[in-house]
Amino acid sequence: MRKTFKLLVCLMMILTSVTLARPSVYAQEEFAVYVDAQNGRDTHLGTIDQPVQTLARAQELVREKTSGMSEDLKVYLRGGTYVLDAPITFTSADSGQNGYRVIWGGIQR
């Protein structure tokens, strides 16, 4: 019984430390670009508080950040309708560098 209790306490400590160490989905990340079709502006910086509005502007910001990558770069697409005037074309300039990736995905907020 005592061994089981110690094991349970150890597991709880490990799970708590993993949960506390994991960054919030909504915390600003250094290597991230935030896009919001409804509330973003392409004059913004692409941060969590100042998202850009279009995929084209997000692509420009990604290309500016890839040369100095030291972790994966994430592009967070918030809800809304992303209207394209022309197809968006991805090239090697949109790929990760230094062994890291560029990941495009969505979040709800």
PDB file of N, CA and C in Angstrom:
ATOM      1  N   MET A   1       0.823  -1.192   0.000  1.00  0.00           N
ATOM      2  CA  MET A   1       0.000   0.000   0.000  1.00  0.00           C
ATOM      3  C   MET A   1       0.871   1.262   0.000  1.00  0.00           C
ATOM      4  N   ARG A   2       1.928   1.247   0.806  1.00  0.00           N
ATOM      5  CA  ARG A   2       2.807   2.404   0.919  1.00  0.00           C
ATOM      6  C   ARG A   2       3.567   2.634  -0.392  1.00  0.00           C
ATOM      7  N   LYS A   3       3.994   1.534  -1.040  1.00  0.00           N
ATOM      8  CA  LYS A   3       4.679   1.629  -2.327  1.00  0.00           C
ATOM      9  C   LYS A   3       3.755   2.214  -3.393  1.00  0.00           C
ATOM     10  N   THR A   4       2.521   1.776  -3.389  1.00  0.00           N
ATOM     11  CA  THR A   4       1.540   2.270  -4.338  1.00  0.00           C
ATOM     12  C   THR A   4       1.303   3.760  -4.136  1.00  0.00           C
ATOM     13  N   PHE A   5       1.224   4.190  -2.894  1.00  0.00           N
ATOM     14  CA  PHE A   5       1.017   5.605  -2.596  1.00  0.00           C
ATOM     15  C   PHE A   5       2.201   6.438  -3.090  1.00  0.00           C
ATOM     16  N   LYS A   6       3.424   5.975  -2.851  1.00  0.00           N
ATOM     17  CA  LYS A   6       4.611   6.699  -3.307  1.00  0.00           C
ATOM     18  C   LYS A   6       4.631   6.785  -4.835  1.00  0.00           C
ATOM     19  N   LEU A   7       4.293   5.704  -5.489  1.00  0.00           N
ATOM     20  CA  LEU A   7       4.245   5.695  -6.948  1.00  0.00           C
ATOM     21  C   LEU A   7       3.198   6.683  -7.461  1.00  0.00           C
ATOM     22  N   LEU A   8       2.048   6.698  -6.823  1.00  0.00           N
ATOM     23  CA  LEU A   8       0.988   7.618  -7.211  1.00  0.00           C
ATOM     24  C   LEU A   8       1.426   9.072  -7.027  1.00  0.00           C
ATOM     25  N   VAL A   9       2.078   9.370  -5.930  1.00  0.00           N
ATOM     26  CA  VAL A   9       2.573  10.726  -5.673  1.00  0.00           C
ATOM     27  C   VAL A   9       3.608  11.119  -6.733  1.00  0.00           C
ATOM     28  N   CYS A  10       4.508  10.208  -7.067  1.00  0.00           N
ATOM     29  CA  CYS A  10       5.518  10.486  -8.098  1.00  0.00           C
ATOM     30  C   CYS A  10       4.863  10.762  -9.453  1.00  0.00           C
ATOM     31  N   LEU A  11       3.896   9.953  -9.819  1.00  0.00           N
ATOM     32  CA  LEU A  11       3.198  10.159 -11.088  1.00  0.00           C
ATOM     33  C   LEU A  11       2.466  11.501 -11.110  1.00  0.00           C
ATOM     34  N   MET A  12       1.853  11.870  -9.995  1.00  0.00           N
ATOM     35  CA  MET A  12       1.153  13.150  -9.920  1.00  0.00           C
ATOM     36  C   MET A  12       2.132  14.312 -10.058  1.00  0.00           C
ATOM     37  N   MET A  13       3.308  14.190  -9.460  1.00  0.00           N
ATOM     38  CA  MET A  13       4.316  15.243  -9.557  1.00  0.00           C
ATOM     39  C   MET A  13       4.804  15.383 -11.000  1.00  0.00           C
ATOM     40  N   ILE A  14       5.011  14.258 -11.664  1.00  0.00           N
ATOM     41  CA  ILE A  14       5.470  14.289 -13.057  1.00  0.00           C
ATOM     42  C   ILE A  14       4.406  14.920 -13.944  1.00  0.00           C
ATOM     43  N   LEU A  15       3.168  14.501 -13.806  1.00  0.00           N
ATOM     44  CA  LEU A  15       2.092  15.059 -14.624  1.00  0.00           C
ATOM     45  C   LEU A  15       1.901  16.548 -14.370  1.00  0.00           C
ATOM     46  N   THR A  16       2.017  16.967 -13.116  1.00  0.00           N
ATOM     47  CA  THR A  16       1.883  18.383 -12.784  1.00  0.00           C
ATOM     48  C   THR A  16       3.004  19.187 -13.412  1.00  0.00           C
ATOM     49  N   SER A  17       4.236  18.697 -13.348  1.00  0.00           N
ATOM     50  CA  SER A  17       5.358  19.442 -13.919  1.00  0.00           C
ATOM     51  C   SER A  17       5.259  19.523 -15.435  1.00  0.00           C
ATOM     52  N   VAL A  18       4.789  18.467 -16.089  1.00  0.00           N
ATOM     53  CA  VAL A  18       4.620  18.488 -17.537  1.00  0.00           C
ATOM     54  C   VAL A  18       3.530  19.487 -17.919  1.00  0.00           C
ATOM     55  N   THR A  19       2.432  19.487 -17.181  1.00  0.00           N
ATOM     56  CA  THR A  19       1.331  20.406 -17.462  1.00  0.00           C
ATOM     57  C   THR A  19       1.758  21.850 -17.256  1.00  0.00           C
ATOM     58  N   LEU A  20       2.494  22.132 -16.192  1.00  0.00           N
ATOM     59  CA  LEU A  20       2.926  23.496 -15.907  1.00  0.00           C
ATOM     60  C   LEU A  20       3.991  23.966 -16.886  1.00  0.00           C
ATOM     61  N   ALA A  21       4.809  23.050 -17.381  1.00  0.00           N
ATOM     62  CA  ALA A  21       5.895  23.425 -18.287  1.00  0.00           C
ATOM     63  C   ALA A  21       5.400  23.661 -19.704  1.00  0.00           C
ATOM     64  N   ARG A  22       4.263  23.079 -20.041  1.00  0.00           N
ATOM     65  CA  ARG A  22       3.738  23.217 -21.403  1.00  0.00           C
ATOM     66  C   ARG A  22       3.170  24.621 -21.591  1.00  0.00           C
ATOM     67  N   PRO A  23       3.602  25.349 -22.628  1.00  0.00           N
ATOM     68  CA  PRO A  23       3.089  26.700 -22.830  1.00  0.00           C
ATOM     69  C   PRO A  23       1.620  26.683 -23.240  1.00  0.00           C
ATOM     70  N   SER A  24       0.926  27.722 -22.897  1.00  0.00           N
ATOM     71  CA  SER A  24      -0.467  27.866 -23.276  1.00  0.00           C
ATOM     72  C   SER A  24      -0.575  27.984 -24.786  1.00  0.00           C
ATOM     73  N   VAL A  25      -1.651  27.452 -25.338  1.00  0.00           N
ATOM     74  CA  VAL A  25      -1.890  27.574 -26.772  1.00  0.00           C
ATOM     75  C   VAL A  25      -2.000  29.047 -27.145  1.00  0.00           C
ATOM     76  N   TYR A  26      -2.452  29.869 -26.200  1.00  0.00           N
ATOM     77  CA  TYR A  26      -2.696  31.272 -26.483  1.00  0.00           C
ATOM     78  C   TYR A  26      -1.571  32.187 -26.025  1.00  0.00           C
ATOM     79  N   ALA A  27      -0.462  31.644 -25.569  1.00  0.00           N
ATOM     80  CA  ALA A  27       0.680  32.470 -25.191  1.00  0.00           C
ATOM     81  C   ALA A  27       1.423  32.887 -26.451  1.00  0.00           C
ATOM     82  N   GLN A  28       1.957  34.102 -26.446  1.00  0.00           N
ATOM     83  CA  GLN A  28       2.725  34.579 -27.596  1.00  0.00           C
ATOM     84  C   GLN A  28       3.969  33.723 -27.758  1.00  0.00           C
ATOM     85  N   GLU A  29       4.216  33.287 -28.949  1.00  0.00           N
ATOM     86  CA  GLU A  29       5.405  32.507 -29.254  1.00  0.00           C
ATOM     87  C   GLU A  29       6.319  33.343 -30.131  1.00  0.00           C
ATOM     88  N   GLU A  30       7.621  33.235 -29.896  1.00  0.00           N
ATOM     89  CA  GLU A  30       8.580  34.014 -30.671  1.00  0.00           C
ATOM     90  C   GLU A  30       8.556  33.628 -32.144  1.00  0.00           C
ATOM     91  N   PHE A  31       8.516  32.342 -32.415  1.00  0.00           N
ATOM     92  CA  PHE A  31       8.508  31.873 -33.794  1.00  0.00           C
ATOM     93  C   PHE A  31       7.086  31.485 -34.195  1.00  0.00           C
ATOM     94  N   ALA A  32       6.231  32.500 -34.287  1.00  0.00           N
ATOM     95  CA  ALA A  32       4.843  32.284 -34.672  1.00  0.00           C
ATOM     96  C   ALA A  32       4.326  33.503 -35.415  1.00  0.00           C
ATOM     97  N   VAL A  33       3.373  33.254 -36.295  1.00  0.00           N
ATOM     98  CA  VAL A  33       2.664  34.316 -36.998  1.00  0.00           C
ATOM     99  C   VAL A  33       1.179  34.041 -36.796  1.00  0.00           C
ATOM    100  N   TYR A  34       0.442  35.064 -36.388  1.00  0.00           N
ATOM    101  CA  TYR A  34      -0.985  34.928 -36.140  1.00  0.00           C
ATOM    102  C   TYR A  34      -1.754  35.653 -37.242  1.00  0.00           C
ATOM    103  N   VAL A  35      -2.798  34.977 -37.757  1.00  0.00           N
ATOM    104  CA  VAL A  35      -3.590  35.511 -38.857  1.00  0.00           C
ATOM    105  C   VAL A  35      -5.057  35.467 -38.444  1.00  0.00           C
ATOM    106  N   ASP A  36      -5.764  36.570 -38.660  1.00  0.00           N
ATOM    107  CA  ASP A  36      -7.176  36.655 -38.299  1.00  0.00           C
ATOM    108  C   ASP A  36      -7.910  37.382 -39.418  1.00  0.00           C
ATOM    109  N   ALA A  37      -8.703  36.650 -40.195  1.00  0.00           N
ATOM    110  CA  ALA A  37      -9.395  37.213 -41.357  1.00  0.00           C
ATOM    111  C   ALA A  37     -10.388  38.297 -40.954  1.00  0.00           C
ATOM    112  N   GLN A  38     -10.935  38.213 -39.760  1.00  0.00           N
ATOM    113  CA  GLN A  38     -11.971  39.151 -39.341  1.00  0.00           C
ATOM    114  C   GLN A  38     -11.403  40.381 -38.631  1.00  0.00           C
ATOM    115  N   ASN A  39     -10.438  40.196 -37.757  1.00  0.00           N
ATOM    116  CA  ASN A  39      -9.956  41.289 -36.918  1.00  0.00           C
ATOM    117  C   ASN A  39      -8.506  41.674 -37.156  1.00  0.00           C
ATOM    118  N   GLY A  40      -7.844  41.012 -38.058  1.00  0.00           N
ATOM    119  CA  GLY A  40      -6.444  41.318 -38.334  1.00  0.00           C
ATOM    120  C   GLY A  40      -6.290  42.497 -39.282  1.00  0.00           C
ATOM    121  N   ARG A  41      -5.079  43.014 -39.341  1.00  0.00           N
ATOM    122  CA  ARG A  41      -4.716  44.092 -40.271  1.00  0.00           C
ATOM    123  C   ARG A  41      -3.337  43.766 -40.820  1.00  0.00           C
ATOM    124  N   ASP A  42      -3.138  43.908 -42.099  1.00  0.00           N
ATOM    125  CA  ASP A  42      -1.843  43.582 -42.683  1.00  0.00           C
ATOM    126  C   ASP A  42      -0.747  44.565 -42.288  1.00  0.00           C
ATOM    127  N   THR A  43      -1.112  45.654 -41.639  1.00  0.00           N
ATOM    128  CA  THR A  43      -0.112  46.582 -41.097  1.00  0.00           C
ATOM    129  C   THR A  43       0.349  46.138 -39.712  1.00  0.00           C
ATOM    130  N   HIS A  44      -0.308  45.128 -39.142  1.00  0.00           N
ATOM    131  CA  HIS A  44       0.076  44.602 -37.834  1.00  0.00           C
ATOM    132  C   HIS A  44       1.338  43.748 -37.943  1.00  0.00           C
ATOM    133  N   LEU A  45       1.851  43.364 -36.783  1.00  0.00           N
ATOM    134  CA  LEU A  45       3.109  42.612 -36.696  1.00  0.00           C
ATOM    135  C   LEU A  45       2.946  41.097 -36.810  1.00  0.00           C
ATOM    136  N   GLY A  46       1.712  40.614 -36.764  1.00  0.00           N
ATOM    137  CA  GLY A  46       1.486  39.167 -36.821  1.00  0.00           C
ATOM    138  C   GLY A  46       1.625  38.490 -35.473  1.00  0.00           C
ATOM    139  N   THR A  47       1.486  39.275 -34.388  1.00  0.00           N
ATOM    140  CA  THR A  47       1.553  38.719 -33.036  1.00  0.00           C
ATOM    141  C   THR A  47       0.167  38.279 -32.592  1.00  0.00           C
ATOM    142  N   ILE A  48       0.095  37.657 -31.441  1.00  0.00           N
ATOM    143  CA  ILE A  48      -1.188  37.188 -30.932  1.00  0.00           C
ATOM    144  C   ILE A  48      -2.149  38.351 -30.704  1.00  0.00           C
ATOM    145  N   ASP A  49      -1.624  39.502 -30.282  1.00  0.00           N
ATOM    146  CA  ASP A  49      -2.459  40.676 -30.034  1.00  0.00           C
ATOM    147  C   ASP A  49      -2.642  41.548 -31.271  1.00  0.00           C
ATOM    148  N   GLN A  50      -1.775  41.391 -32.260  1.00  0.00           N
ATOM    149  CA  GLN A  50      -1.842  42.171 -33.496  1.00  0.00           C
ATOM    150  C   GLN A  50      -1.689  41.243 -34.704  1.00  0.00           C
ATOM    151  N   PRO A  51      -2.717  40.420 -34.957  1.00  0.00           N
ATOM    152  CA  PRO A  51      -2.618  39.484 -36.087  1.00  0.00           C
ATOM    153  C   PRO A  51      -2.721  40.196 -37.424  1.00  0.00           C
ATOM    154  N   VAL A  52      -2.134  39.588 -38.435  1.00  0.00           N
ATOM    155  CA  VAL A  52      -2.317  40.089 -39.802  1.00  0.00           C
ATOM    156  C   VAL A  52      -3.642  39.548 -40.329  1.00  0.00           C
ATOM    157  N   GLN A  53      -4.081  40.085 -41.468  1.00  0.00           N
ATOM    158  CA  GLN A  53      -5.394  39.709 -41.978  1.00  0.00           C
ATOM    159  C   GLN A  53      -5.351  38.688 -43.114  1.00  0.00           C
ATOM    160  N   THR A  54      -4.303  38.718 -43.917  1.00  0.00           N
ATOM    161  CA  THR A  54      -4.297  37.880 -45.118  1.00  0.00           C
ATOM    162  C   THR A  54      -3.215  36.809 -45.084  1.00  0.00           C
ATOM    163  N   LEU A  55      -3.461  35.764 -45.849  1.00  0.00           N
ATOM    164  CA  LEU A  55      -2.477  34.695 -45.975  1.00  0.00           C
ATOM    165  C   LEU A  55      -1.222  35.186 -46.694  1.00  0.00           C
ATOM    166  N   ALA A  56      -1.397  36.106 -47.643  1.00  0.00           N
ATOM    167  CA  ALA A  56      -0.241  36.642 -48.370  1.00  0.00           C
ATOM    168  C   ALA A  56       0.701  37.389 -47.415  1.00  0.00           C
ATOM    169  N   ARG A  57       0.144  38.179 -46.506  1.00  0.00           N
ATOM    170  CA  ARG A  57       0.989  38.905 -45.546  1.00  0.00           C
ATOM    171  C   ARG A  57       1.630  37.922 -44.569  1.00  0.00           C
ATOM    172  N   ALA A  58       0.906  36.906 -44.160  1.00  0.00           N
ATOM    173  CA  ALA A  58       1.480  35.882 -43.287  1.00  0.00           C
ATOM    174  C   ALA A  58       2.654  35.200 -43.970  1.00  0.00           C
ATOM    175  N   GLN A  59       2.504  34.914 -45.258  1.00  0.00           N
ATOM    176  CA  GLN A  59       3.573  34.281 -46.016  1.00  0.00           C
ATOM    177  C   GLN A  59       4.811  35.187 -46.056  1.00  0.00           C
ATOM    178  N   GLU A  60       4.614  36.487 -46.225  1.00  0.00           N
ATOM    179  CA  GLU A  60       5.745  37.427 -46.216  1.00  0.00           C
ATOM    180  C   GLU A  60       6.475  37.394 -44.870  1.00  0.00           C
ATOM    181  N   LEU A  61       5.706  37.386 -43.780  1.00  0.00           N
ATOM    182  CA  LEU A  61       6.320  37.352 -42.440  1.00  0.00           C
ATOM    183  C   LEU A  61       7.079  36.045 -42.217  1.00  0.00           C
ATOM    184  N   VAL A  62       6.515  34.939 -42.706  1.00  0.00           N
ATOM    185  CA  VAL A  62       7.199  33.643 -42.583  1.00  0.00           C
ATOM    186  C   VAL A  62       8.542  33.705 -43.301  1.00  0.00           C
ATOM    187  N   ARG A  63       8.546  34.231 -44.501  1.00  0.00           N
ATOM    188  CA  ARG A  63       9.784  34.302 -45.284  1.00  0.00           C
ATOM    189  C   ARG A  63      10.832  35.176 -44.601  1.00  0.00           C
ATOM    190  N   GLU A  64      10.392  36.199 -43.870  1.00  0.00           N
ATOM    191  CA  GLU A  64      11.328  37.053 -43.133  1.00  0.00           C
ATOM    192  C   GLU A  64      11.958  36.321 -41.947  1.00  0.00           C
ATOM    193  N   LYS A  65      11.236  35.344 -41.390  1.00  0.00           N
ATOM    194  CA  LYS A  65      11.690  34.674 -40.168  1.00  0.00           C
ATOM    195  C   LYS A  65      12.451  33.368 -40.394  1.00  0.00           C
ATOM    196  N   THR A  66      12.413  32.799 -41.584  1.00  0.00           N
ATOM    197  CA  THR A  66      12.957  31.452 -41.756  1.00  0.00           C
ATOM    198  C   THR A  66      14.477  31.377 -41.695  1.00  0.00           C
ATOM    199  N   SER A  67      15.176  32.431 -42.060  1.00  0.00           N
ATOM    200  CA  SER A  67      16.643  32.328 -42.109  1.00  0.00           C
ATOM    201  C   SER A  67      17.269  32.108 -40.737  1.00  0.00           C
ATOM    202  N   GLY A  68      16.694  32.646 -39.699  1.00  0.00           N
ATOM    203  CA  GLY A  68      17.278  32.501 -38.364  1.00  0.00           C
ATOM    204  C   GLY A  68      16.549  31.518 -37.480  1.00  0.00           C
ATOM    205  N   MET A  69      15.941  30.506 -38.078  1.00  0.00           N
ATOM    206  CA  MET A  69      15.124  29.583 -37.289  1.00  0.00           C
ATOM    207  C   MET A  69      15.951  28.798 -36.288  1.00  0.00           C
ATOM    208  N   SER A  70      15.446  28.754 -35.045  1.00  0.00           N
ATOM    209  CA  SER A  70      16.047  27.910 -34.016  1.00  0.00           C
ATOM    210  C   SER A  70      14.987  27.018 -33.380  1.00  0.00           C
ATOM    211  N   GLU A  71      13.801  27.041 -33.958  1.00  0.00           N
ATOM    212  CA  GLU A  71      12.699  26.159 -33.571  1.00  0.00           C
ATOM    213  C   GLU A  71      11.674  26.191 -34.694  1.00  0.00           C
ATOM    214  N   ASP A  72      10.681  25.306 -34.608  1.00  0.00           N
ATOM    215  CA  ASP A  72       9.631  25.293 -35.619  1.00  0.00           C
ATOM    216  C   ASP A  72       8.897  26.632 -35.608  1.00  0.00           C
ATOM    217  N   LEU A  73       8.496  27.099 -36.777  1.00  0.00           N
ATOM    218  CA  LEU A  73       7.719  28.328 -36.932  1.00  0.00           C
ATOM    219  C   LEU A  73       6.276  27.926 -37.171  1.00  0.00           C
ATOM    220  N   LYS A  74       5.369  28.450 -36.357  1.00  0.00           N
ATOM    221  CA  LYS A  74       3.956  28.093 -36.473  1.00  0.00           C
ATOM    222  C   LYS A  74       3.161  29.279 -36.985  1.00  0.00           C
ATOM    223  N   VAL A  75       2.263  29.022 -37.920  1.00  0.00           N
ATOM    224  CA  VAL A  75       1.349  30.038 -38.434  1.00  0.00           C
ATOM    225  C   VAL A  75      -0.033  29.638 -37.945  1.00  0.00           C
ATOM    226  N   TYR A  76      -0.620  30.477 -37.086  1.00  0.00           N
ATOM    227  CA  TYR A  76      -1.922  30.190 -36.498  1.00  0.00           C
ATOM    228  C   TYR A  76      -3.009  30.943 -37.257  1.00  0.00           C
ATOM    229  N   LEU A  77      -3.919  30.207 -37.859  1.00  0.00           N
ATOM    230  CA  LEU A  77      -5.042  30.788 -38.591  1.00  0.00           C
ATOM    231  C   LEU A  77      -6.265  30.792 -37.686  1.00  0.00           C
ATOM    232  N   ARG A  78      -6.764  31.978 -37.389  1.00  0.00           N
ATOM    233  CA  ARG A  78      -7.990  32.085 -36.607  1.00  0.00           C
ATOM    234  C   ARG A  78      -9.177  31.968 -37.552  1.00  0.00           C
ATOM    235  N   GLY A  79     -10.364  31.918 -36.986  1.00  0.00           N
ATOM    236  CA  GLY A  79     -11.569  31.744 -37.779  1.00  0.00           C
ATOM    237  C   GLY A  79     -11.804  32.869 -38.769  1.00  0.00           C
ATOM    238  N   GLY A  80     -12.672  32.616 -39.694  1.00  0.00           N
ATOM    239  CA  GLY A  80     -13.015  33.612 -40.693  1.00  0.00           C
ATOM    240  C   GLY A  80     -12.869  33.041 -42.084  1.00  0.00           C
ATOM    241  N   THR A  81     -13.178  33.863 -43.061  1.00  0.00           N
ATOM    242  CA  THR A  81     -13.053  33.475 -44.457  1.00  0.00           C
ATOM    243  C   THR A  81     -11.846  34.183 -45.042  1.00  0.00           C
ATOM    244  N   TYR A  82     -10.930  33.411 -45.559  1.00  0.00           N
ATOM    245  CA  TYR A  82      -9.713  33.958 -46.149  1.00  0.00           C
ATOM    246  C   TYR A  82      -9.910  34.015 -47.662  1.00  0.00           C
ATOM    247  N   VAL A  83     -10.161  35.214 -48.166  1.00  0.00           N
ATOM    248  CA  VAL A  83     -10.415  35.417 -49.579  1.00  0.00           C
ATOM    249  C   VAL A  83      -9.079  35.607 -50.289  1.00  0.00           C
ATOM    250  N   LEU A  84      -8.889  34.861 -51.378  1.00  0.00           N
ATOM    251  CA  LEU A  84      -7.655  34.968 -52.151  1.00  0.00           C
ATOM    252  C   LEU A  84      -7.943  35.644 -53.489  1.00  0.00           C
ATOM    253  N   ASP A  85      -7.144  36.663 -53.813  1.00  0.00           N
ATOM    254  CA  ASP A  85      -7.243  37.294 -55.127  1.00  0.00           C
ATOM    255  C   ASP A  85      -6.577  36.424 -56.192  1.00  0.00           C
ATOM    256  N   ALA A  86      -5.631  35.620 -55.749  1.00  0.00           N
ATOM    257  CA  ALA A  86      -4.904  34.703 -56.629  1.00  0.00           C
ATOM    258  C   ALA A  86      -4.490  33.505 -55.787  1.00  0.00           C
ATOM    259  N   PRO A  87      -4.206  32.380 -56.411  1.00  0.00           N
ATOM    260  CA  PRO A  87      -3.750  31.219 -55.637  1.00  0.00           C
ATOM    261  C   PRO A  87      -2.475  31.554 -54.861  1.00  0.00           C
ATOM    262  N   ILE A  88      -2.369  31.010 -53.675  1.00  0.00           N
ATOM    263  CA  ILE A  88      -1.148  31.187 -52.894  1.00  0.00           C
ATOM    264  C   ILE A  88      -0.185  30.073 -53.306  1.00  0.00           C
ATOM    265  N   THR A  89       1.036  30.449 -53.611  1.00  0.00           N
ATOM    266  CA  THR A  89       2.033  29.493 -54.088  1.00  0.00           C
ATOM    267  C   THR A  89       3.135  29.368 -53.047  1.00  0.00           C
ATOM    268  N   PHE A  90       3.409  28.148 -52.650  1.00  0.00           N
ATOM    269  CA  PHE A  90       4.483  27.889 -51.704  1.00  0.00           C
ATOM    270  C   PHE A  90       5.718  27.402 -52.458  1.00  0.00           C
ATOM    271  N   THR A  91       6.859  27.949 -52.089  1.00  0.00           N
ATOM    272  CA  THR A  91       8.131  27.555 -52.691  1.00  0.00           C
ATOM    273  C   THR A  91       9.081  27.163 -51.572  1.00  0.00           C
ATOM    274  N   SER A  92      10.316  26.892 -51.926  1.00  0.00           N
ATOM    275  CA  SER A  92      11.310  26.554 -50.906  1.00  0.00           C
ATOM    276  C   SER A  92      11.534  27.717 -49.933  1.00  0.00           C
ATOM    277  N   ALA A  93      11.209  28.943 -50.344  1.00  0.00           N
ATOM    278  CA  ALA A  93      11.339  30.100 -49.453  1.00  0.00           C
ATOM    279  C   ALA A  93      10.351  30.035 -48.286  1.00  0.00           C
ATOM    280  N   ASP A  94       9.321  29.202 -48.425  1.00  0.00           N
ATOM    281  CA  ASP A  94       8.312  29.050 -47.379  1.00  0.00           C
ATOM    282  C   ASP A  94       8.595  27.864 -46.472  1.00  0.00           C
ATOM    283  N   SER A  95       9.670  27.157 -46.728  1.00  0.00           N
ATOM    284  CA  SER A  95      10.018  25.974 -45.951  1.00  0.00           C
ATOM    285  C   SER A  95      10.896  26.343 -44.773  1.00  0.00           C
ATOM    286  N   GLY A  96      10.947  25.432 -43.835  1.00  0.00           N
ATOM    287  CA  GLY A  96      11.807  25.635 -42.685  1.00  0.00           C
ATOM    288  C   GLY A  96      13.280  25.579 -43.060  1.00  0.00           C
ATOM    289  N   GLN A  97      14.109  26.085 -42.184  1.00  0.00           N
ATOM    290  CA  GLN A  97      15.558  26.098 -42.361  1.00  0.00           C
ATOM    291  C   GLN A  97      16.207  25.511 -41.111  1.00  0.00           C
ATOM    292  N   ASN A  98      17.459  25.194 -41.205  1.00  0.00           N
ATOM    293  CA  ASN A  98      18.248  24.725 -40.052  1.00  0.00           C
ATOM    294  C   ASN A  98      17.641  23.490 -39.391  1.00  0.00           C
ATOM    295  N   GLY A  99      16.930  22.673 -40.155  1.00  0.00           N
ATOM    296  CA  GLY A  99      16.340  21.454 -39.609  1.00  0.00           C
ATOM    297  C   GLY A  99      14.995  21.665 -38.931  1.00  0.00           C
ATOM    298  N   TYR A 100      14.396  22.847 -39.065  1.00  0.00           N
ATOM    299  CA  TYR A 100      13.108  23.147 -38.446  1.00  0.00           C
ATOM    300  C   TYR A 100      12.040  23.286 -39.517  1.00  0.00           C
ATOM    301  N   ARG A 101      10.779  23.243 -39.085  1.00  0.00           N
ATOM    302  CA  ARG A 101       9.642  23.239 -40.012  1.00  0.00           C
ATOM    303  C   ARG A 101       8.822  24.519 -39.890  1.00  0.00           C
ATOM    304  N   VAL A 102       8.061  24.824 -40.938  1.00  0.00           N
ATOM    305  CA  VAL A 102       7.019  25.843 -40.900  1.00  0.00           C
ATOM    306  C   VAL A 102       5.698  25.086 -40.894  1.00  0.00           C
ATOM    307  N   ILE A 103       4.871  25.329 -39.888  1.00  0.00           N
ATOM    308  CA  ILE A 103       3.630  24.584 -39.701  1.00  0.00           C
ATOM    309  C   ILE A 103       2.451  25.555 -39.755  1.00  0.00           C
ATOM    310  N   TRP A 104       1.569  25.358 -40.715  1.00  0.00           N
ATOM    311  CA  TRP A 104       0.366  26.180 -40.837  1.00  0.00           C
ATOM    312  C   TRP A 104      -0.782  25.406 -40.207  1.00  0.00           C
ATOM    313  N   GLY A 105      -1.555  26.046 -39.321  1.00  0.00           N
ATOM    314  CA  GLY A 105      -2.671  25.374 -38.672  1.00  0.00           C
ATOM    315  C   GLY A 105      -3.644  26.384 -38.109  1.00  0.00           C
ATOM    316  N   GLY A 106      -4.738  25.901 -37.585  1.00  0.00           N
ATOM    317  CA  GLY A 106      -5.773  26.781 -37.067  1.00  0.00           C
ATOM    318  C   GLY A 106      -5.926  26.705 -35.566  1.00  0.00           C
ATOM    319  N   ILE A 107      -6.389  27.808 -34.991  1.00  0.00           N
ATOM    320  CA  ILE A 107      -6.755  27.846 -33.582  1.00  0.00           C
ATOM    321  C   ILE A 107      -8.087  28.568 -33.474  1.00  0.00           C
ATOM    322  N   GLN A 108      -8.783  28.328 -32.405  1.00  0.00           N
ATOM    323  CA  GLN A 108     -10.021  29.050 -32.156  1.00  0.00           C
ATOM    324  C   GLN A 108      -9.803  29.979 -30.985  1.00  0.00           C
ATOM    325  N   ARG A 109     -10.026  31.234 -31.251  1.00  0.00           N
ATOM    326  CA  ARG A 109      -9.946  32.241 -30.190  1.00  0.00           C
ATOM    327  C   ARG A 109     -10.484  33.536 -30.676  1.00  0.00           C
TER     328      ARG A 109
END
